[in-house]
C-alpha atoms as a PDB file:
ATOM      1  CA  MET A   1      -8.535 -11.538  47.931  1.00  0.00           C
ATOM      2  CA  ARG A   2      -4.433 -11.623  47.335  1.00  0.00           C
ATOM      3  CA  THR A   3      -5.492 -14.370  45.120  1.00  0.00           C
ATOM      4  CA  LEU A   4      -7.951 -12.239  43.273  1.00  0.00           C
ATOM      5  CA  ARG A   5      -5.620  -9.552  43.015  1.00  0.00           C
ATOM      6  CA  LYS A   6      -3.052 -11.278  41.974  1.00  0.00           C
ATOM      7  CA  LEU A   7      -5.520 -12.190  39.111  1.00  0.00           C
ATOM      8  CA  PHE A   8      -6.681  -9.267  38.696  1.00  0.00           C
ATOM      9  CA  VAL A   9      -2.783  -7.384  38.025  1.00  0.00           C
ATOM     10  CA  ALA A  10      -2.777 -10.784  35.890  1.00  0.00           C
ATOM     11  CA  ALA A  11      -5.406  -9.324  33.524  1.00  0.00           C
ATOM     12  CA  ILE A  12      -4.530  -5.842  33.902  1.00  0.00           C
ATOM     13  CA  LEU A  13      -1.402  -7.019  32.177  1.00  0.00           C
ATOM     14  CA  PHE A  14      -2.477  -8.833  29.870  1.00  0.00           C
ATOM     15  CA  ALA A  15      -4.735  -6.639  28.178  1.00  0.00           C
ATOM     16  CA  PHE A  16      -1.542  -4.236  28.102  1.00  0.00           C
ATOM     17  CA  VAL A  17       0.414  -6.047  26.578  1.00  0.00           C
ATOM     18  CA  PHE A  18      -1.950  -7.703  23.472  1.00  0.00           C
ATOM     19  CA  ALA A  19      -2.845  -4.382  22.870  1.00  0.00           C
ATOM     20  CA  VAL A  20       0.661  -3.300  22.476  1.00  0.00           C
ATOM     21  CA  THR A  21       1.637  -6.262  20.772  1.00  0.00           C
ATOM     22  CA  ALA A  22      -1.291  -5.873  18.518  1.00  0.00           C
ATOM     23  CA  PRO A  23      -0.048  -3.019  16.143  1.00  0.00           C
ATOM     24  CA  VAL A  24       2.564  -3.651  15.775  1.00  0.00           C
ATOM     25  CA  ALA A  25       2.842  -6.857  14.527  1.00  0.00           C
ATOM     26  CA  GLN A  26       0.078  -5.426  11.560  1.00  0.00           C
ATOM     27  CA  ALA A  27       2.935  -1.935  11.500  1.00  0.00           C
ATOM     28  CA  ALA A  28       5.264  -4.846  10.289  1.00  0.00           C
ATOM     29  CA  GLU A  29       3.134  -5.890   7.486  1.00  0.00           C
ATOM     30  CA  VAL A  30       4.413  -3.674   3.908  1.00  0.00           C
ATOM     31  CA  ASP A  31       2.689  -3.868   1.119  1.00  0.00           C
ATOM     32  CA  LEU A  32       4.606  -1.561  -2.153  1.00  0.00           C
ATOM     33  CA  PHE A  33       3.812  -1.569  -5.755  1.00  0.00           C
ATOM     34  CA  THR A  34       4.811   0.452  -8.594  1.00  0.00           C
ATOM     35  CA  HIS A  35       4.486   0.468 -12.262  1.00  0.00           C
ATOM     36  CA  MET A  36       7.834   0.769 -14.209  1.00  0.00           C
ATOM     37  CA  ALA A  37       8.661   2.889 -17.901  1.00  0.00           C
ATOM     38  CA  GLY A  38      11.143   2.424 -20.066  1.00  0.00           C
ATOM     39  CA  SER A  39      13.928   4.040 -20.694  1.00  0.00           C
ATOM     40  CA  THR A  40      14.968   6.209 -23.598  1.00  0.00           C
ATOM     41  CA  HIS A  41      16.673   3.195 -25.253  1.00  0.00           C
ATOM     42  CA  PHE A  42      14.713   0.449 -24.212  1.00  0.00           C
ATOM     43  CA  PRO A  43      11.297   3.864 -24.980  1.00  0.00           C
ATOM     44  CA  LYS A  44       8.349   1.005 -24.905  1.00  0.00           C
ATOM     45  CA  ALA A  45       9.588  -0.894 -22.429  1.00  0.00           C
ATOM     46  CA  HIS A  46       7.213  -1.450 -19.446  1.00  0.00           C
ATOM     47  CA  GLY A  47       6.160  -3.414 -16.711  1.00  0.00           C
ATOM     48  CA  PHE A  48       5.260  -3.552 -12.736  1.00  0.00           C
ATOM     49  CA  SER A  49       7.036  -4.256  -9.645  1.00  0.00           C
ATOM     50  CA  GLU A  50       5.952  -5.612  -6.117  1.00  0.00           C
ATOM     51  CA  TYR A  51       7.115  -5.724  -2.768  1.00  0.00           C
ATOM     52  CA  ASP A  52       5.855  -6.994   0.607  1.00  0.00           C
ATOM     53  CA  ARG A  53       7.694  -7.488   3.283  1.00  0.00           C
ATOM     54  CA  SER A  54       6.262  -8.850   6.810  1.00  0.00           C
ATOM     55  CA  ASN A  55       8.149 -10.734   9.817  1.00  0.00           C
ATOM     56  CA  SER A  56       8.554 -14.222   7.819  1.00  0.00           C
ATOM     57  CA  GLY A  57      10.221 -11.814   5.644  1.00  0.00           C
ATOM     58  CA  ARG A  58      10.809  -9.957   1.843  1.00  0.00           C
ATOM     59  CA  GLU A  59       9.717 -10.660  -1.747  1.00  0.00           C
ATOM     60  CA  VAL A  60       9.560  -9.185  -4.865  1.00  0.00           C
ATOM     61  CA  GLU A  61       8.147  -9.622  -7.680  1.00  0.00           C
ATOM     62  CA  VAL A  62       9.254  -7.428 -11.168  1.00  0.00           C
ATOM     63  CA  ARG A  63       7.665  -8.453 -14.612  1.00  0.00           C
ATOM     64  CA  VAL A  64       8.973  -5.645 -17.766  1.00  0.00           C
ATOM     65  CA  THR A  65       7.238  -6.462 -21.371  1.00  0.00           C
ATOM     66  CA  HIS A  66       8.339  -5.284 -24.866  1.00  0.00           C
ATOM     67  CA  LEU A  67      11.643  -5.784 -24.555  1.00  0.00           C
ATOM     68  CA  LYS A  68      11.985  -8.252 -27.381  1.00  0.00           C
ATOM     69  CA  SER A  69      15.468  -6.811 -28.735  1.00  0.00           C
ATOM     70  CA  LEU A  70      16.881  -8.480 -25.756  1.00  0.00           C
ATOM     71  CA  ALA A  71      15.410 -11.820 -26.134  1.00  0.00           C
ATOM     72  CA  GLY A  72      17.875 -14.097 -24.060  1.00  0.00           C
ATOM     73  CA  GLU A  73      20.113 -11.780 -23.148  1.00  0.00           C
ATOM     74  CA  ARG A  74      20.486 -11.012 -19.441  1.00  0.00           C
ATOM     75  CA  VAL A  75      19.204  -8.102 -17.073  1.00  0.00           C
ATOM     76  CA  LYS A  76      19.971  -7.292 -13.270  1.00  0.00           C
ATOM     77  CA  VAL A  77      17.119  -6.835 -10.440  1.00  0.00           C
ATOM     78  CA  ILE A  78      17.888  -3.535  -8.163  1.00  0.00           C
ATOM     79  CA  VAL A  79      16.594  -2.694  -4.898  1.00  0.00           C
ATOM     80  CA  ASN A  80      17.209   0.377  -3.926  1.00  0.00           C
ATOM     81  CA  GLY A  81      20.822   0.249  -5.057  1.00  0.00           C
ATOM     82  CA  HIS A  82      21.194  -3.267  -4.435  1.00  0.00           C
ATOM     83  CA  LYS A  83      21.174  -6.389  -6.975  1.00  0.00           C
ATOM     84  CA  VAL A  84      18.566  -8.877  -6.666  1.00  0.00           C
ATOM     85  CA  GLY A  85      19.495 -10.801  -8.827  1.00  0.00           C
ATOM     86  CA  ARG A  86      19.393 -11.023 -12.975  1.00  0.00           C
ATOM     87  CA  ILE A  87      16.555 -12.507 -15.221  1.00  0.00           C
ATOM     88  CA  VAL A  88      16.536 -13.607 -18.078  1.00  0.00           C
ATOM     89  CA  VAL A  89      14.729 -12.480 -21.280  1.00  0.00           C
ATOM     90  CA  SER A  90      12.170 -14.885 -22.725  1.00  0.00           C
ATOM     91  CA  SER A  91      12.105 -15.124 -27.372  1.00  0.00           C
ATOM     92  CA  VAL A  92       8.571 -13.252 -26.812  1.00  0.00           C
ATOM     93  CA  GLY A  93      11.090 -10.100 -24.652  1.00  0.00           C
ATOM     94  CA  VAL A  94       9.336 -10.496 -21.173  1.00  0.00           C
ATOM     95  CA  ALA A  95      11.613 -10.340 -18.259  1.00  0.00           C
ATOM     96  CA  HIS A  96       9.964 -12.058 -14.732  1.00  0.00           C
ATOM     97  CA  ARG A  97      11.532 -13.746 -11.401  1.00  0.00           C
ATOM     98  CA  GLU A  98      10.314 -13.364  -8.148  1.00  0.00           C
ATOM     99  CA  TRP A  99      12.186 -13.478  -5.331  1.00  0.00           C
ATOM    100  CA  ASP A 100      11.125 -14.485  -1.530  1.00  0.00           C
ATOM    101  CA  THR A 101      14.279 -14.355   2.161  1.00  0.00           C
ATOM    102  CA  GLU A 102      11.861 -16.979   2.089  1.00  0.00           C
ATOM    103  CA  HIS A 103      13.059 -19.460  -0.222  1.00  0.00           C
ATOM    104  CA  GLY A 104      16.750 -18.580   0.964  1.00  0.00           C
ATOM    105  CA  GLN A 105      17.101 -15.755  -2.133  1.00  0.00           C
ATOM    106  CA  LYS A 106      18.272 -12.534  -1.018  1.00  0.00           C
ATOM    107  CA  VAL A 107      15.721  -9.587  -1.361  1.00  0.00           C
ATOM    108  CA  PRO A 108      16.884  -6.242   0.300  1.00  0.00           C
ATOM    109  CA  PHE A 109      14.938  -3.956   2.364  1.00  0.00           C
ATOM    110  CA  ALA A 110      13.057  -1.699   1.024  1.00  0.00           C
ATOM    111  CA  SER A 111      10.279   1.461   1.982  1.00  0.00           C
ATOM    112  CA  ALA A 112       7.387   4.061   0.119  1.00  0.00           C
ATOM    113  CA  GLY A 113      10.226   6.374  -1.924  1.00  0.00           C
ATOM    114  CA  ASP A 114      13.108   3.864  -2.976  1.00  0.00           C
ATOM    115  CA  LYS A 115      13.443   2.978  -6.907  1.00  0.00           C
ATOM    116  CA  ILE A 116      13.176  -0.540  -8.594  1.00  0.00           C
ATOM    117  CA  LYS A 117      15.895  -0.509 -11.619  1.00  0.00           C
ATOM    118  CA  VAL A 118      16.376  -3.492 -14.239  1.00  0.00           C
ATOM    119  CA  ARG A 119      19.597  -2.859 -16.160  1.00  0.00           C
ATOM    120  CA  THR A 120      21.844  -4.452 -19.155  1.00  0.00           C
ATOM    121  CA  LEU A 121      24.007  -6.718 -18.331  1.00  0.00           C
ATOM    122  CA  GLY A 122      26.516  -3.987 -19.484  1.00  0.00           C
ATOM    123  CA  GLY A 123      24.808  -1.268 -17.197  1.00  0.00           C
ATOM    124  CA  THR A 124      22.389   0.693 -19.477  1.00  0.00           C
ATOM    125  CA  LEU A 125      18.928   1.379 -18.195  1.00  0.00           C
ATOM    126  CA  VAL A 126      15.908  -0.352 -20.075  1.00  0.00           C
ATOM    127  CA  ALA A 127      12.961   0.563 -16.950  1.00  0.00           C
ATOM    128  CA  LYS A 128      12.975   1.741 -13.288  1.00  0.00           C
ATOM    129  CA  GLY A 129      10.219   2.597 -10.436  1.00  0.00           C
ATOM    130  CA  THR A 130       9.462   4.282  -7.251  1.00  0.00           C
ATOM    131  CA  TYR A 131       7.588   2.155  -5.136  1.00  0.00           C
ATOM    132  CA  HIS A 132       4.526   3.731  -3.233  1.00  0.00           C
ATOM    133  CA  ARG A 133       2.530   2.154  -0.128  1.00  0.00           C
ATOM    134  CA  GLU A 134      -0.137  -0.555  -2.100  1.00  0.00           C
ATOM    135  CA  VAL A 135      -4.336   0.832  -1.349  1.00  0.00           C
ATOM    136  CA  ASP A 136      -6.686  -1.536  -1.900  1.00  0.00           C
END
């Protein structure tokens, strides 16, 4: 009788722990997206950024096009006020790169409502956007 009671209590505890931890694991995953618009200095520039955060790490992808005047130059990416890194603009005017903490790269914490900016190394704003939750 005592063994049956212990098994019953263990089953209830297991069910409770599973019920509490399962939603927490799902809630830890965040997918953000933004369309990026060009600045007054680069009005034709446009692009996007995707930001993913999970228990295993954070990653950000940035792509900005119509930057022919910056071909061969580096631009810097700033997420939520923190520098992520630099991208060399291709000969056709595209700046594209991904960063991932699982590869040892620095990706700051971001949430819906946070900003992403792409600037020249001199500080001129190229493009910007505001993250929102990705909708399936």
